[in-house]
Amino acid sequence: MRNLIPARFYTYDFTRLVAMIAFTVAIAVIVYSVLFGRIL
């Protein structure tokens, strides 16, 4: 039972990290679109 808890925590932490990266990429794409829209 003690071995299961750290594994679950690691999985949750990894999922959270991926979600943060995806969110950051989405913001970067929006900023790029705005900048390209201004340039064009």
PDB file of N, CA and C in Angstrom:
ATOM      1  N   MET A   1       0.838  -1.206   0.000  1.00  0.00           N
ATOM      2  CA  MET A   1       0.000   0.000   0.000  1.00  0.00           C
ATOM      3  C   MET A   1       0.879   1.266   0.000  1.00  0.00           C
ATOM      4  N   ARG A   2       1.990   1.203   0.720  1.00  0.00           N
ATOM      5  CA  ARG A   2       2.877   2.372   0.773  1.00  0.00           C
ATOM      6  C   ARG A   2       3.551   2.611  -0.583  1.00  0.00           C
ATOM      7  N   ASN A   3       3.766   1.551  -1.339  1.00  0.00           N
ATOM      8  CA  ASN A   3       4.410   1.683  -2.649  1.00  0.00           C
ATOM      9  C   ASN A   3       3.456   2.275  -3.687  1.00  0.00           C
ATOM     10  N   LEU A   4       2.157   2.097  -3.490  1.00  0.00           N
ATOM     11  CA  LEU A   4       1.167   2.581  -4.457  1.00  0.00           C
ATOM     12  C   LEU A   4       0.998   4.096  -4.380  1.00  0.00           C
ATOM     13  N   ILE A   5       1.082   4.651  -3.172  1.00  0.00           N
ATOM     14  CA  ILE A   5       0.849   6.092  -2.990  1.00  0.00           C
ATOM     15  C   ILE A   5       1.882   6.947  -3.753  1.00  0.00           C
ATOM     16  N   PRO A   6       3.209   6.685  -3.622  1.00  0.00           N
ATOM     17  CA  PRO A   6       4.182   7.486  -4.368  1.00  0.00           C
ATOM     18  C   PRO A   6       4.000   7.370  -5.874  1.00  0.00           C
ATOM     19  N   ALA A   7       3.643   6.179  -6.353  1.00  0.00           N
ATOM     20  CA  ALA A   7       3.452   5.972  -7.793  1.00  0.00           C
ATOM     21  C   ALA A   7       2.297   6.840  -8.285  1.00  0.00           C
ATOM     22  N   ARG A   8       1.222   6.869  -7.514  1.00  0.00           N
ATOM     23  CA  ARG A   8       0.060   7.678  -7.907  1.00  0.00           C
ATOM     24  C   ARG A   8       0.421   9.162  -7.872  1.00  0.00           C
ATOM     25  N   PHE A   9       1.185   9.572  -6.870  1.00  0.00           N
ATOM     26  CA  PHE A   9       1.596  10.971  -6.749  1.00  0.00           C
ATOM     27  C   PHE A   9       2.454  11.376  -7.948  1.00  0.00           C
ATOM     28  N   TYR A  10       3.370  10.481  -8.336  1.00  0.00           N
ATOM     29  CA  TYR A  10       4.230  10.767  -9.491  1.00  0.00           C
ATOM     30  C   TYR A  10       3.395  10.914 -10.755  1.00  0.00           C
ATOM     31  N   THR A  11       2.407  10.030 -10.936  1.00  0.00           N
ATOM     32  CA  THR A  11       1.535  10.086 -12.121  1.00  0.00           C
ATOM     33  C   THR A  11       0.764  11.405 -12.138  1.00  0.00           C
ATOM     34  N   TYR A  12       0.225  11.805 -10.983  1.00  0.00           N
ATOM     35  CA  TYR A  12      -0.531  13.056 -10.886  1.00  0.00           C
ATOM     36  C   TYR A  12       0.364  14.257 -11.195  1.00  0.00           C
ATOM     37  N   ASP A  13       1.585  14.237 -10.634  1.00  0.00           N
ATOM     38  CA  ASP A  13       2.535  15.330 -10.857  1.00  0.00           C
ATOM     39  C   ASP A  13       2.886  15.429 -12.335  1.00  0.00           C
ATOM     40  N   PHE A  14       3.101  14.268 -12.986  1.00  0.00           N
ATOM     41  CA  PHE A  14       3.438  14.250 -14.410  1.00  0.00           C
ATOM     42  C   PHE A  14       2.287  14.800 -15.249  1.00  0.00           C
ATOM     43  N   THR A  15       1.055  14.407 -14.899  1.00  0.00           N
ATOM     44  CA  THR A  15      -0.123  14.888 -15.630  1.00  0.00           C
ATOM     45  C   THR A  15      -0.252  16.399 -15.482  1.00  0.00           C
ATOM     46  N   ARG A  16       0.002  16.878 -14.265  1.00  0.00           N
ATOM     47  CA  ARG A  16      -0.082  18.316 -14.011  1.00  0.00           C
ATOM     48  C   ARG A  16       0.972  19.062 -14.828  1.00  0.00           C
ATOM     49  N   LEU A  17       2.185  18.478 -14.903  1.00  0.00           N
ATOM     50  CA  LEU A  17       3.272  19.101 -15.662  1.00  0.00           C
ATOM     51  C   LEU A  17       2.907  19.192 -17.138  1.00  0.00           C
ATOM     52  N   VAL A  18       2.369  18.103 -17.695  1.00  0.00           N
ATOM     53  CA  VAL A  18       1.963  18.084 -19.109  1.00  0.00           C
ATOM     54  C   VAL A  18       0.874  19.124 -19.346  1.00  0.00           C
ATOM     55  N   ALA A  19      -0.070  19.252 -18.423  1.00  0.00           N
ATOM     56  CA  ALA A  19      -1.158  20.225 -18.555  1.00  0.00           C
ATOM     57  C   ALA A  19      -0.597  21.648 -18.570  1.00  0.00           C
ATOM     58  N   MET A  20       0.377  21.912 -17.689  1.00  0.00           N
ATOM     59  CA  MET A  20       1.001  23.244 -17.634  1.00  0.00           C
ATOM     60  C   MET A  20       1.739  23.555 -18.932  1.00  0.00           C
ATOM     61  N   ILE A  21       2.457  22.559 -19.468  1.00  0.00           N
ATOM     62  CA  ILE A  21       3.198  22.748 -20.726  1.00  0.00           C
ATOM     63  C   ILE A  21       2.219  23.023 -21.867  1.00  0.00           C
ATOM     64  N   ALA A  22       1.138  22.251 -21.927  1.00  0.00           N
ATOM     65  CA  ALA A  22       0.129  22.437 -22.983  1.00  0.00           C
ATOM     66  C   ALA A  22      -0.482  23.831 -22.889  1.00  0.00           C
ATOM     67  N   PHE A  23      -0.770  24.288 -21.661  1.00  0.00           N
ATOM     68  CA  PHE A  23      -1.350  25.619 -21.449  1.00  0.00           C
ATOM     69  C   PHE A  23      -0.373  26.702 -21.898  1.00  0.00           C
ATOM     70  N   THR A  24       0.903  26.540 -21.553  1.00  0.00           N
ATOM     71  CA  THR A  24       1.933  27.507 -21.946  1.00  0.00           C
ATOM     72  C   THR A  24       2.071  27.571 -23.462  1.00  0.00           C
ATOM     73  N   VAL A  25       2.056  26.409 -24.118  1.00  0.00           N
ATOM     74  CA  VAL A  25       2.154  26.346 -25.584  1.00  0.00           C
ATOM     75  C   VAL A  25       0.950  27.043 -26.210  1.00  0.00           C
ATOM     76  N   ALA A  26      -0.238  26.826 -25.642  1.00  0.00           N
ATOM     77  CA  ALA A  26      -1.458  27.451 -26.172  1.00  0.00           C
ATOM     78  C   ALA A  26      -1.332  28.974 -26.087  1.00  0.00           C
ATOM     79  N   ILE A  27      -0.843  29.486 -24.965  1.00  0.00           N
ATOM     80  CA  ILE A  27      -0.669  30.936 -24.797  1.00  0.00           C
ATOM     81  C   ILE A  27       0.351  31.457 -25.807  1.00  0.00           C
ATOM     82  N   ALA A  28       1.453  30.702 -25.990  1.00  0.00           N
ATOM     83  CA  ALA A  28       2.494  31.115 -26.934  1.00  0.00           C
ATOM     84  C   ALA A  28       1.932  31.192 -28.354  1.00  0.00           C
ATOM     85  N   VAL A  29       1.093  30.225 -28.730  1.00  0.00           N
ATOM     86  CA  VAL A  29       0.487  30.221 -30.072  1.00  0.00           C
ATOM     87  C   VAL A  29      -0.425  31.426 -30.238  1.00  0.00           C
ATOM     88  N   ILE A  30      -1.201  31.757 -29.199  1.00  0.00           N
ATOM     89  CA  ILE A  30      -2.106  32.916 -29.272  1.00  0.00           C
ATOM     90  C   ILE A  30      -1.299  34.201 -29.434  1.00  0.00           C
ATOM     91  N   VAL A  31      -0.215  34.328 -28.642  1.00  0.00           N
ATOM     92  CA  VAL A  31       0.637  35.528 -28.714  1.00  0.00           C
ATOM     93  C   VAL A  31       1.261  35.638 -30.106  1.00  0.00           C
ATOM     94  N   TYR A  32       1.728  34.501 -30.644  1.00  0.00           N
ATOM     95  CA  TYR A  32       2.318  34.505 -31.987  1.00  0.00           C
ATOM     96  C   TYR A  32       1.289  34.935 -33.029  1.00  0.00           C
ATOM     97  N   SER A  33       0.049  34.425 -32.890  1.00  0.00           N
ATOM     98  CA  SER A  33      -1.015  34.790 -33.837  1.00  0.00           C
ATOM     99  C   SER A  33      -1.281  36.293 -33.797  1.00  0.00           C
ATOM    100  N   VAL A  34      -1.311  36.845 -32.585  1.00  0.00           N
ATOM    101  CA  VAL A  34      -1.551  38.285 -32.439  1.00  0.00           C
ATOM    102  C   VAL A  34      -0.412  39.072 -33.067  1.00  0.00           C
ATOM    103  N   LEU A  35       0.821  38.654 -32.825  1.00  0.00           N
ATOM    104  CA  LEU A  35       1.972  39.361 -33.373  1.00  0.00           C
ATOM    105  C   LEU A  35       1.981  39.274 -34.904  1.00  0.00           C
ATOM    106  N   PHE A  36       1.734  38.077 -35.443  1.00  0.00           N
ATOM    107  CA  PHE A  36       1.716  37.920 -36.895  1.00  0.00           C
ATOM    108  C   PHE A  36       0.564  38.721 -37.503  1.00  0.00           C
ATOM    109  N   GLY A  37      -0.556  38.767 -36.820  1.00  0.00           N
ATOM    110  CA  GLY A  37      -1.696  39.547 -37.296  1.00  0.00           C
ATOM    111  C   GLY A  37      -1.350  41.023 -37.377  1.00  0.00           C
ATOM    112  N   ARG A  38      -0.584  41.495 -36.393  1.00  0.00           N
ATOM    113  CA  ARG A  38      -0.181  42.921 -36.387  1.00  0.00           C
ATOM    114  C   ARG A  38       0.811  43.188 -37.509  1.00  0.00           C
ATOM    115  N   ILE A  39       1.747  42.265 -37.725  1.00  0.00           N
ATOM    116  CA  ILE A  39       2.778  42.442 -38.751  1.00  0.00           C
ATOM    117  C   ILE A  39       2.125  42.448 -40.141  1.00  0.00           C
ATOM    118  N   LEU A  40       1.233  41.465 -40.348  1.00  0.00           N
ATOM    119  CA  LEU A  40       0.560  41.398 -41.643  1.00  0.00           C
ATOM    120  C   LEU A  40      -0.504  42.480 -41.744  1.00  0.00           C
TER     121      LEU A  40
END
